[in-house]
C-alpha atoms as a PDB file:
ATOM      1  CA  MET A   1     178.937-183.258  48.820  1.00  0.00           C
ATOM      2  CA  LEU A   2     180.197-183.286  45.333  1.00  0.00           C
ATOM      3  CA  ASN A   3     177.074-181.998  43.532  1.00  0.00           C
ATOM      4  CA  ASN A   4     173.601-180.542  44.254  1.00  0.00           C
ATOM      5  CA  ALA A   5     171.498-183.666  43.144  1.00  0.00           C
ATOM      6  CA  PRO A   6     169.266-185.185  45.854  1.00  0.00           C
ATOM      7  CA  ILE A   7     170.816-187.818  48.052  1.00  0.00           C
ATOM      8  CA  ILE A   8     169.447-191.145  47.727  1.00  0.00           C
ATOM      9  CA  LEU A   9     169.281-192.889  50.995  1.00  0.00           C
ATOM     10  CA  PRO A  10     170.010-196.680  51.740  1.00  0.00           C
ATOM     11  CA  ASP A  11     166.992-198.683  52.423  1.00  0.00           C
ATOM     12  CA  PRO A  12     166.552-202.236  54.210  1.00  0.00           C
ATOM     13  CA  SER A  13     166.152-203.890  50.572  1.00  0.00           C
ATOM     14  CA  LYS A  14     169.530-202.401  49.405  1.00  0.00           C
ATOM     15  CA  PRO A  15     171.732-201.404  52.450  1.00  0.00           C
ATOM     16  CA  CYS A  16     174.650-199.304  52.523  1.00  0.00           C
ATOM     17  CA  ARG A  17     177.541-201.857  53.180  1.00  0.00           C
ATOM     18  CA  ILE A  18     180.253-200.801  55.898  1.00  0.00           C
ATOM     19  CA  GLY A  19     183.165-202.730  55.620  1.00  0.00           C
ATOM     20  CA  THR A  20     185.510-203.158  58.585  1.00  0.00           C
ATOM     21  CA  ARG A  21     188.054-205.305  60.295  1.00  0.00           C
ATOM     22  CA  GLY A  22     186.524-207.797  62.497  1.00  0.00           C
ATOM     23  CA  SER A  23     188.357-207.290  65.871  1.00  0.00           C
ATOM     24  CA  PRO A  24     186.323-206.132  68.630  1.00  0.00           C
ATOM     25  CA  LEU A  25     187.343-202.422  68.423  1.00  0.00           C
ATOM     26  CA  ALA A  26     187.006-202.307  64.686  1.00  0.00           C
ATOM     27  CA  LEU A  27     183.438-203.549  65.002  1.00  0.00           C
ATOM     28  CA  ALA A  28     182.902-200.985  67.701  1.00  0.00           C
ATOM     29  CA  GLN A  29     183.859-198.150  65.412  1.00  0.00           C
ATOM     30  CA  ALA A  30     181.798-199.651  62.645  1.00  0.00           C
ATOM     31  CA  TYR A  31     178.659-199.755  64.671  1.00  0.00           C
ATOM     32  CA  GLU A  32     179.266-196.337  65.781  1.00  0.00           C
ATOM     33  CA  THR A  33     179.596-195.193  62.379  1.00  0.00           C
ATOM     34  CA  ARG A  34     176.367-196.865  61.667  1.00  0.00           C
ATOM     35  CA  ALA A  35     174.555-195.195  64.531  1.00  0.00           C
ATOM     36  CA  ARG A  36     175.902-191.804  63.633  1.00  0.00           C
ATOM     37  CA  LEU A  37     174.614-192.368  59.971  1.00  0.00           C
ATOM     38  CA  SER A  38     171.111-193.883  61.275  1.00  0.00           C
ATOM     39  CA  GLY A  39     170.490-190.730  63.445  1.00  0.00           C
ATOM     40  CA  ALA A  40     171.779-188.249  61.075  1.00  0.00           C
ATOM     41  CA  PHE A  41     169.399-189.312  58.312  1.00  0.00           C
ATOM     42  CA  ASP A  42     166.620-190.781  60.560  1.00  0.00           C
ATOM     43  CA  LEU A  43     167.109-194.368  59.078  1.00  0.00           C
ATOM     44  CA  SER A  44     166.646-197.815  60.640  1.00  0.00           C
ATOM     45  CA  LYS A  45     169.878-199.491  61.276  1.00  0.00           C
ATOM     46  CA  ASP A  46     168.768-202.196  58.730  1.00  0.00           C
ATOM     47  CA  CYS A  47     169.549-199.636  56.128  1.00  0.00           C
ATOM     48  CA  PHE A  48     173.324-200.540  56.987  1.00  0.00           C
ATOM     49  CA  GLN A  49     175.175-203.698  56.678  1.00  0.00           C
ATOM     50  CA  ILE A  50     178.245-204.534  58.603  1.00  0.00           C
ATOM     51  CA  VAL A  51     180.767-206.432  56.281  1.00  0.00           C
ATOM     52  CA  VAL A  52     183.657-208.005  58.058  1.00  0.00           C
ATOM     53  CA  ILE A  53     186.761-208.205  56.243  1.00  0.00           C
ATOM     54  CA  LYS A  54     189.922-210.215  57.411  1.00  0.00           C
ATOM     55  CA  THR A  55     193.288-208.359  56.582  1.00  0.00           C
ATOM     56  CA  THR A  56     197.031-209.291  56.381  1.00  0.00           C
ATOM     57  CA  GLY A  57     197.602-207.984  60.026  1.00  0.00           C
ATOM     58  CA  ASP A  58     194.482-209.843  61.420  1.00  0.00           C
ATOM     59  CA  ARG A  59     195.843-213.229  59.695  1.00  0.00           C
ATOM     60  CA  VAL A  60     199.584-212.916  60.729  1.00  0.00           C
ATOM     61  CA  THR A  61     199.907-213.132  64.618  1.00  0.00           C
ATOM     62  CA  ASP A  62     203.285-214.848  65.221  1.00  0.00           C
ATOM     63  CA  ARG A  63     205.368-212.130  63.991  1.00  0.00           C
ATOM     64  CA  PRO A  64     205.898-208.593  64.903  1.00  0.00           C
ATOM     65  CA  LEU A  65     203.975-206.137  62.682  1.00  0.00           C
ATOM     66  CA  SER A  66     207.249-204.246  61.763  1.00  0.00           C
ATOM     67  CA  GLU A  67     208.467-207.406  60.209  1.00  0.00           C
ATOM     68  CA  ILE A  68     205.466-207.970  57.915  1.00  0.00           C
ATOM     69  CA  GLY A  69     205.278-204.508  56.333  1.00  0.00           C
ATOM     70  CA  GLY A  70     203.600-201.023  56.818  1.00  0.00           C
ATOM     71  CA  LYS A  71     200.453-199.444  58.070  1.00  0.00           C
ATOM     72  CA  GLY A  72     198.583-201.243  54.853  1.00  0.00           C
ATOM     73  CA  LEU A  73     198.451-204.320  56.834  1.00  0.00           C
ATOM     74  CA  PHE A  74     195.070-203.393  58.454  1.00  0.00           C
ATOM     75  CA  THR A  75     193.545-201.827  55.095  1.00  0.00           C
ATOM     76  CA  LYS A  76     194.413-203.290  51.811  1.00  0.00           C
ATOM     77  CA  GLU A  77     191.885-205.915  52.035  1.00  0.00           C
ATOM     78  CA  ILE A  78     189.393-203.446  52.968  1.00  0.00           C
ATOM     79  CA  GLU A  79     190.235-200.956  50.383  1.00  0.00           C
ATOM     80  CA  GLU A  80     190.331-203.681  47.573  1.00  0.00           C
ATOM     81  CA  ALA A  81     186.773-204.567  48.546  1.00  0.00           C
ATOM     82  CA  LEU A  82     185.669-200.733  48.417  1.00  0.00           C
ATOM     83  CA  LEU A  83     187.323-200.543  44.812  1.00  0.00           C
ATOM     84  CA  SER A  84     185.607-203.419  43.508  1.00  0.00           C
ATOM     85  CA  SER A  85     182.491-202.324  44.973  1.00  0.00           C
ATOM     86  CA  ASP A  86     181.946-205.088  47.413  1.00  0.00           C
ATOM     87  CA  ILE A  87     181.340-202.553  50.179  1.00  0.00           C
ATOM     88  CA  ASP A  88     180.199-198.900  49.848  1.00  0.00           C
ATOM     89  CA  LEU A  89     182.260-197.288  52.712  1.00  0.00           C
ATOM     90  CA  ALA A  90     185.153-198.390  54.918  1.00  0.00           C
ATOM     91  CA  VAL A  91     185.803-197.485  58.516  1.00  0.00           C
ATOM     92  CA  HIS A  92     189.291-197.292  59.638  1.00  0.00           C
ATOM     93  CA  SER A  93     191.407-196.465  62.686  1.00  0.00           C
ATOM     94  CA  MET A  94     193.484-193.498  61.335  1.00  0.00           C
ATOM     95  CA  LYS A  95     196.463-194.459  63.243  1.00  0.00           C
ATOM     96  CA  ASP A  96     196.536-197.587  60.825  1.00  0.00           C
ATOM     97  CA  MET A  97     196.158-195.610  57.539  1.00  0.00           C
ATOM     98  CA  PRO A  98     198.631-194.897  55.002  1.00  0.00           C
ATOM     99  CA  VAL A  99     199.220-191.363  54.168  1.00  0.00           C
ATOM    100  CA  GLU A 100     198.562-192.265  50.437  1.00  0.00           C
ATOM    101  CA  GLN A 101     195.326-193.882  49.419  1.00  0.00           C
ATOM    102  CA  PRO A 102     195.084-196.057  46.320  1.00  0.00           C
ATOM    103  CA  ASP A 103     193.758-194.329  43.088  1.00  0.00           C
ATOM    104  CA  GLY A 104     190.188-193.966  43.288  1.00  0.00           C
ATOM    105  CA  LEU A 105     189.663-193.789  47.099  1.00  0.00           C
ATOM    106  CA  VAL A 106     189.747-190.964  49.323  1.00  0.00           C
ATOM    107  CA  VAL A 107     189.674-190.714  53.493  1.00  0.00           C
ATOM    108  CA  ASP A 108     187.866-187.396  53.628  1.00  0.00           C
ATOM    109  CA  ALA A 109     185.673-187.659  56.899  1.00  0.00           C
ATOM    110  CA  CYS A 110     186.324-188.176  60.606  1.00  0.00           C
ATOM    111  CA  LEU A 111     184.131-188.969  63.511  1.00  0.00           C
ATOM    112  CA  PRO A 112     185.006-187.316  66.595  1.00  0.00           C
ATOM    113  CA  ARG A 113     188.360-188.008  68.281  1.00  0.00           C
ATOM    114  CA  GLU A 114     188.432-190.104  71.619  1.00  0.00           C
ATOM    115  CA  ASP A 115     190.984-189.912  74.371  1.00  0.00           C
ATOM    116  CA  VAL A 116     194.271-189.894  72.519  1.00  0.00           C
ATOM    117  CA  ARG A 117     196.410-191.137  75.545  1.00  0.00           C
ATOM    118  CA  ASP A 118     197.872-194.329  75.972  1.00  0.00           C
ATOM    119  CA  ALA A 119     197.239-196.502  78.791  1.00  0.00           C
ATOM    120  CA  PHE A 120     199.508-198.596  80.846  1.00  0.00           C
ATOM    121  CA  VAL A 121     197.733-201.856  81.937  1.00  0.00           C
ATOM    122  CA  SER A 122     199.090-204.533  84.213  1.00  0.00           C
ATOM    123  CA  LEU A 123     197.644-206.947  86.610  1.00  0.00           C
ATOM    124  CA  ASP A 124     198.329-204.900  89.626  1.00  0.00           C
ATOM    125  CA  GLY A 125     197.491-201.550  88.492  1.00  0.00           C
ATOM    126  CA  ARG A 126     200.878-200.086  88.930  1.00  0.00           C
ATOM    127  CA  ALA A 127     201.906-196.567  86.790  1.00  0.00           C
ATOM    128  CA  LEU A 128     204.881-196.709  85.014  1.00  0.00           C
ATOM    129  CA  ALA A 129     207.120-194.689  87.386  1.00  0.00           C
ATOM    130  CA  ASP A 130     206.368-197.424  90.114  1.00  0.00           C
ATOM    131  CA  LEU A 131     207.832-200.234  88.208  1.00  0.00           C
ATOM    132  CA  ASP A 132     210.861-201.949  89.437  1.00  0.00           C
ATOM    133  CA  ALA A 133     213.989-201.999  87.241  1.00  0.00           C
ATOM    134  CA  GLY A 134     214.104-205.253  85.145  1.00  0.00           C
ATOM    135  CA  THR A 135     210.200-205.462  84.799  1.00  0.00           C
ATOM    136  CA  ILE A 136     209.239-207.156  81.863  1.00  0.00           C
ATOM    137  CA  VAL A 137     207.019-204.885  79.633  1.00  0.00           C
ATOM    138  CA  GLY A 138     205.630-205.944  76.360  1.00  0.00           C
ATOM    139  CA  THR A 139     204.602-203.869  73.183  1.00  0.00           C
ATOM    140  CA  SER A 140     204.383-204.658  69.438  1.00  0.00           C
ATOM    141  CA  SER A 141     204.272-200.791  68.830  1.00  0.00           C
ATOM    142  CA  LEU A 142     207.920-199.513  67.944  1.00  0.00           C
ATOM    143  CA  ARG A 143     206.704-195.991  68.860  1.00  0.00           C
ATOM    144  CA  ARG A 144     205.962-197.051  72.534  1.00  0.00           C
ATOM    145  CA  ARG A 145     209.057-199.370  72.710  1.00  0.00           C
ATOM    146  CA  ALA A 146     211.432-196.427  71.748  1.00  0.00           C
ATOM    147  CA  GLN A 147     209.563-193.914  73.904  1.00  0.00           C
ATOM    148  CA  LEU A 148     209.543-196.376  76.831  1.00  0.00           C
ATOM    149  CA  LEU A 149     213.380-197.365  76.396  1.00  0.00           C
ATOM    150  CA  HIS A 150     214.057-193.534  76.248  1.00  0.00           C
ATOM    151  CA  ARG A 151     212.580-192.828  79.564  1.00  0.00           C
ATOM    152  CA  ARG A 152     213.051-196.006  81.401  1.00  0.00           C
ATOM    153  CA  SER A 153     215.926-198.023  79.930  1.00  0.00           C
ATOM    154  CA  ASP A 154     215.960-200.016  82.975  1.00  0.00           C
ATOM    155  CA  LEU A 155     213.116-202.085  82.174  1.00  0.00           C
ATOM    156  CA  ASN A 156     213.159-205.133  79.960  1.00  0.00           C
ATOM    157  CA  VAL A 157     210.826-204.352  76.862  1.00  0.00           C
ATOM    158  CA  VAL A 158     209.891-207.204  74.812  1.00  0.00           C
ATOM    159  CA  GLU A 159     207.896-207.843  71.541  1.00  0.00           C
ATOM    160  CA  PHE A 160     204.352-208.656  73.041  1.00  0.00           C
ATOM    161  CA  ARG A 161     203.145-211.053  70.214  1.00  0.00           C
ATOM    162  CA  GLY A 162     203.869-214.715  71.681  1.00  0.00           C
ATOM    163  CA  LYS A 163     205.536-213.348  74.750  1.00  0.00           C
ATOM    164  CA  VAL A 164     204.950-212.980  78.503  1.00  0.00           C
ATOM    165  CA  ALA A 165     205.070-209.686  80.160  1.00  0.00           C
ATOM    166  CA  GLU A 166     203.986-207.892  83.433  1.00  0.00           C
ATOM    167  CA  GLY A 167     202.389-204.917  81.524  1.00  0.00           C
ATOM    168  CA  THR A 168     201.686-203.854  78.234  1.00  0.00           C
ATOM    169  CA  PHE A 169     200.226-200.542  76.618  1.00  0.00           C
ATOM    170  CA  LEU A 170     196.705-200.102  75.103  1.00  0.00           C
ATOM    171  CA  ALA A 171     195.111-196.947  73.687  1.00  0.00           C
ATOM    172  CA  MET A 172     192.747-195.008  75.968  1.00  0.00           C
ATOM    173  CA  ALA A 173     190.260-194.600  72.905  1.00  0.00           C
ATOM    174  CA  GLY A 174     190.230-198.407  72.434  1.00  0.00           C
ATOM    175  CA  LEU A 175     189.323-198.970  76.045  1.00  0.00           C
ATOM    176  CA  SER A 176     186.701-196.191  76.071  1.00  0.00           C
ATOM    177  CA  ARG A 177     184.933-197.643  72.867  1.00  0.00           C
ATOM    178  CA  LEU A 178     184.982-201.176  74.453  1.00  0.00           C
ATOM    179  CA  GLY A 179     183.454-199.927  77.593  1.00  0.00           C
ATOM    180  CA  LEU A 180     186.262-201.698  79.501  1.00  0.00           C
ATOM    181  CA  LEU A 181     187.728-198.706  81.266  1.00  0.00           C
ATOM    182  CA  ALA A 182     186.229-199.868  84.489  1.00  0.00           C
ATOM    183  CA  GLU A 183     187.180-203.389  84.074  1.00  0.00           C
ATOM    184  CA  VAL A 184     191.005-203.447  83.605  1.00  0.00           C
ATOM    185  CA  ASN A 185     193.872-201.782  85.667  1.00  0.00           C
ATOM    186  CA  ALA A 186     194.786-199.325  83.032  1.00  0.00           C
ATOM    187  CA  VAL A 187     196.714-196.120  83.956  1.00  0.00           C
ATOM    188  CA  PRO A 188     196.496-193.322  81.538  1.00  0.00           C
ATOM    189  CA  VAL A 189     200.116-191.942  80.498  1.00  0.00           C
ATOM    190  CA  SER A 190     200.267-188.360  79.949  1.00  0.00           C
ATOM    191  CA  GLU A 191     200.877-187.065  76.509  1.00  0.00           C
ATOM    192  CA  ASP A 192     203.737-185.226  77.923  1.00  0.00           C
ATOM    193  CA  ASP A 193     205.394-188.522  78.951  1.00  0.00           C
ATOM    194  CA  MET A 194     204.276-190.418  75.786  1.00  0.00           C
ATOM    195  CA  LEU A 195     203.089-188.727  72.799  1.00  0.00           C
ATOM    196  CA  PRO A 196     200.774-190.529  71.162  1.00  0.00           C
ATOM    197  CA  ALA A 197     200.808-192.068  67.672  1.00  0.00           C
ATOM    198  CA  VAL A 198     199.492-189.869  64.718  1.00  0.00           C
ATOM    199  CA  ALA A 199     195.948-190.083  64.438  1.00  0.00           C
ATOM    200  CA  GLN A 200     195.408-192.096  67.804  1.00  0.00           C
ATOM    201  CA  GLY A 201     191.865-192.146  68.949  1.00  0.00           C
ATOM    202  CA  ALA A 202     190.404-191.083  65.676  1.00  0.00           C
ATOM    203  CA  ILE A 203     188.171-193.053  63.065  1.00  0.00           C
ATOM    204  CA  GLY A 204     188.462-192.149  59.419  1.00  0.00           C
ATOM    205  CA  LEU A 205     186.019-192.965  56.776  1.00  0.00           C
ATOM    206  CA  GLU A 206     186.821-193.941  53.245  1.00  0.00           C
ATOM    207  CA  ARG A 207     184.718-194.014  50.071  1.00  0.00           C
ATOM    208  CA  ARG A 208     185.162-194.012  46.255  1.00  0.00           C
ATOM    209  CA  ILE A 209     185.833-190.790  45.005  1.00  0.00           C
ATOM    210  CA  GLU A 210     183.088-190.912  42.526  1.00  0.00           C
ATOM    211  CA  ASP A 211     180.566-191.760  44.770  1.00  0.00           C
ATOM    212  CA  ASP A 212     178.284-188.634  45.412  1.00  0.00           C
ATOM    213  CA  ARG A 213     175.755-190.561  47.694  1.00  0.00           C
ATOM    214  CA  VAL A 214     178.155-191.756  50.410  1.00  0.00           C
ATOM    215  CA  ALA A 215     180.144-188.182  50.344  1.00  0.00           C
ATOM    216  CA  ALA A 216     176.634-186.701  51.024  1.00  0.00           C
ATOM    217  CA  MET A 217     176.220-188.911  54.052  1.00  0.00           C
ATOM    218  CA  PHE A 218     179.655-188.232  55.382  1.00  0.00           C
ATOM    219  CA  ASP A 219     178.829-184.646  55.476  1.00  0.00           C
ATOM    220  CA  GLY A 220     175.906-185.490  57.584  1.00  0.00           C
ATOM    221  CA  ILE A 221     178.407-187.099  60.549  1.00  0.00           C
ATOM    222  CA  ARG A 222     181.820-185.512  59.941  1.00  0.00           C
ATOM    223  CA  HIS A 223     183.583-183.910  62.717  1.00  0.00           C
ATOM    224  CA  PRO A 224     185.505-180.783  61.326  1.00  0.00           C
ATOM    225  CA  GLU A 225     187.765-180.345  64.400  1.00  0.00           C
ATOM    226  CA  THR A 226     189.042-183.882  64.145  1.00  0.00           C
ATOM    227  CA  GLU A 227     189.863-183.543  60.410  1.00  0.00           C
ATOM    228  CA  THR A 228     191.641-180.421  61.158  1.00  0.00           C
ATOM    229  CA  ARG A 229     193.958-181.989  63.618  1.00  0.00           C
ATOM    230  CA  GLN A 230     194.552-184.871  61.533  1.00  0.00           C
ATOM    231  CA  ALA A 231     195.636-182.447  58.692  1.00  0.00           C
ATOM    232  CA  ALA A 232     198.438-181.666  60.723  1.00  0.00           C
ATOM    233  CA  GLU A 233     199.511-184.814  62.042  1.00  0.00           C
ATOM    234  CA  ARG A 234     199.341-186.817  58.857  1.00  0.00           C
ATOM    235  CA  ALA A 235     201.196-184.170  56.994  1.00  0.00           C
ATOM    236  CA  PHE A 236     203.946-184.309  59.573  1.00  0.00           C
ATOM    237  CA  LEU A 237     203.868-188.010  59.199  1.00  0.00           C
ATOM    238  CA  LYS A 238     203.740-188.083  55.070  1.00  0.00           C
ATOM    239  CA  ARG A 239     206.958-185.639  55.184  1.00  0.00           C
ATOM    240  CA  LEU A 240     208.755-188.114  57.298  1.00  0.00           C
ATOM    241  CA  ASP A 241     207.759-191.139  55.275  1.00  0.00           C
ATOM    242  CA  GLY A 242     206.403-192.585  58.043  1.00  0.00           C
ATOM    243  CA  SER A 243     205.256-196.434  58.743  1.00  0.00           C
ATOM    244  CA  CYS A 244     204.759-199.116  61.192  1.00  0.00           C
ATOM    245  CA  GLN A 245     208.440-199.473  60.866  1.00  0.00           C
ATOM    246  CA  THR A 246     209.433-195.875  62.124  1.00  0.00           C
ATOM    247  CA  PRO A 247     208.797-194.552  65.466  1.00  0.00           C
ATOM    248  CA  ILE A 248     207.026-191.215  65.178  1.00  0.00           C
ATOM    249  CA  ALA A 249     204.531-189.505  67.505  1.00  0.00           C
ATOM    250  CA  ALA A 250     202.533-186.346  66.783  1.00  0.00           C
ATOM    251  CA  LEU A 251     199.492-184.443  68.389  1.00  0.00           C
ATOM    252  CA  ALA A 252     197.819-181.594  67.218  1.00  0.00           C
ATOM    253  CA  GLU A 253     195.303-179.798  69.685  1.00  0.00           C
ATOM    254  CA  LEU A 254     192.645-176.934  69.132  1.00  0.00           C
ATOM    255  CA  ASN A 255     191.813-173.822  70.959  1.00  0.00           C
ATOM    256  CA  GLY A 256     189.318-171.880  69.137  1.00  0.00           C
ATOM    257  CA  ASP A 257     191.108-171.206  65.682  1.00  0.00           C
ATOM    258  CA  ARG A 258     194.391-171.645  67.276  1.00  0.00           C
ATOM    259  CA  MET A 259     196.465-174.777  66.999  1.00  0.00           C
ATOM    260  CA  THR A 260     199.452-176.274  69.087  1.00  0.00           C
ATOM    261  CA  PHE A 261     201.189-179.052  67.364  1.00  0.00           C
ATOM    262  CA  ARG A 262     203.757-181.461  68.862  1.00  0.00           C
ATOM    263  CA  GLY A 263     205.983-183.903  67.003  1.00  0.00           C
ATOM    264  CA  GLU A 264     208.683-186.518  67.913  1.00  0.00           C
ATOM    265  CA  ILE A 265     210.952-188.749  65.939  1.00  0.00           C
ATOM    266  CA  LEU A 266     212.978-191.589  67.784  1.00  0.00           C
ATOM    267  CA  ARG A 267     215.650-194.176  67.266  1.00  0.00           C
ATOM    268  CA  PRO A 268     213.860-197.468  67.577  1.00  0.00           C
ATOM    269  CA  ASP A 269     216.177-198.372  70.690  1.00  0.00           C
ATOM    270  CA  GLY A 270     215.310-194.892  72.361  1.00  0.00           C
ATOM    271  CA  SER A 271     218.752-193.851  72.124  1.00  0.00           C
ATOM    272  CA  ARG A 272     218.222-190.617  70.430  1.00  0.00           C
ATOM    273  CA  VAL A 273     214.979-188.517  70.432  1.00  0.00           C
ATOM    274  CA  TYR A 274     214.316-185.220  68.438  1.00  0.00           C
ATOM    275  CA  ALA A 275     211.152-183.209  69.253  1.00  0.00           C
ATOM    276  CA  GLY A 276     209.503-179.727  68.516  1.00  0.00           C
ATOM    277  CA  MET A 277     206.510-177.836  68.516  1.00  0.00           C
ATOM    278  CA  ARG A 278     204.696-175.246  66.368  1.00  0.00           C
ATOM    279  CA  GLU A 279     201.841-172.789  67.214  1.00  0.00           C
ATOM    280  CA  GLY A 280     199.716-171.117  64.545  1.00  0.00           C
ATOM    281  CA  VAL A 281     196.440-170.834  63.143  1.00  0.00           C
ATOM    282  CA  ALA A 282     194.189-173.734  62.719  1.00  0.00           C
ATOM    283  CA  CYS A 283     193.780-173.139  58.591  1.00  0.00           C
ATOM    284  CA  ASP A 284     197.709-173.726  58.541  1.00  0.00           C
ATOM    285  CA  ALA A 285     197.627-177.140  60.088  1.00  0.00           C
ATOM    286  CA  ALA A 286     199.135-179.073  57.231  1.00  0.00           C
ATOM    287  CA  ALA A 287     202.055-176.596  56.805  1.00  0.00           C
ATOM    288  CA  MET A 288     202.656-176.548  60.593  1.00  0.00           C
ATOM    289  CA  GLY A 289     202.997-180.468  60.301  1.00  0.00           C
ATOM    290  CA  ILE A 290     205.316-180.256  57.153  1.00  0.00           C
ATOM    291  CA  ASP A 291     207.529-177.415  58.799  1.00  0.00           C
ATOM    292  CA  LEU A 292     207.907-179.245  61.926  1.00  0.00           C
ATOM    293  CA  ALA A 293     209.038-182.493  60.238  1.00  0.00           C
ATOM    294  CA  ASN A 294     211.642-180.368  58.153  1.00  0.00           C
ATOM    295  CA  GLU A 295     213.284-179.110  61.280  1.00  0.00           C
ATOM    296  CA  LEU A 296     213.316-182.649  62.672  1.00  0.00           C
ATOM    297  CA  LEU A 297     214.703-184.135  59.728  1.00  0.00           C
ATOM    298  CA  ALA A 298     217.383-181.575  59.750  1.00  0.00           C
ATOM    299  CA  GLN A 299     218.491-182.044  63.326  1.00  0.00           C
ATOM    300  CA  ALA A 300     218.155-185.871  62.878  1.00  0.00           C
ATOM    301  CA  GLY A 301     220.477-185.998  59.635  1.00  0.00           C
ATOM    302  CA  PRO A 302     220.554-188.638  57.134  1.00  0.00           C
ATOM    303  CA  GLY A 303     219.807-192.314  58.103  1.00  0.00           C
ATOM    304  CA  PHE A 304     218.261-191.625  61.237  1.00  0.00           C
ATOM    305  CA  PHE A 305     215.530-194.078  60.434  1.00  0.00           C
ATOM    306  CA  ASP A 306     217.928-196.851  58.997  1.00  0.00           C
ATOM    307  CA  PRO A 307     217.253-199.887  60.844  1.00  0.00           C
END
């Protein structure tokens, strides 16, 4: 909370407006946020209004995401609505968030993180290790593509947007939040086999910097452990200048006040991979991310991320 003034809570006549994308997963995350706010402050759900905002990433579905821009594809229009006060707060998948927010906005709270792993989904429920050579696997993620090509160069990996494939990848977090784990043939992929995207499984909450009321509401539902883990992963991403066009993976894990941080950078074709790990105290989370990023950049050399 930014000051000690009493918090003015929303009511049904003037609800707090929660901005979100309109995908089923985005809506599930917005509903979770509303439920947590309602419970934390003993308010009716009518005190919160879900406002759906279509983003560039939602409108353009016929081209690979890497061809039409970076991480702002799923956030730009929502942030514009927040800046213009058309909404009061925004709910994001943190793995979609750029490392820098527009002037006047801040992402300063996270909800409890879900399962960070990827899941391989196919009609017959086979695991990656059981796939025959030449099997067509579709993905729109450059990270997943690079990691898969590095480990299974015998597979036929295609852009999933508009292509037919025998299997693909989804995030376990999304399947869990949508209640689909029992309905699809999803085989979790170990973090040791496929290190997840930065912030995978984390929900971030964004607000206007000067909005004390929303800051106080965030204090009622924030999850410090997830925020500490995000500090390491997003510092790593920022030092690498990562975007949707850059295959980068990272995972921070906590055990009490100790943190283990792993990071990985890859060539898009999976031909070269540099990975490392740091261990230390959780209060050094961001420094650990930056330190490992510097090490991997030095190993990779100039031009590693060039197309």
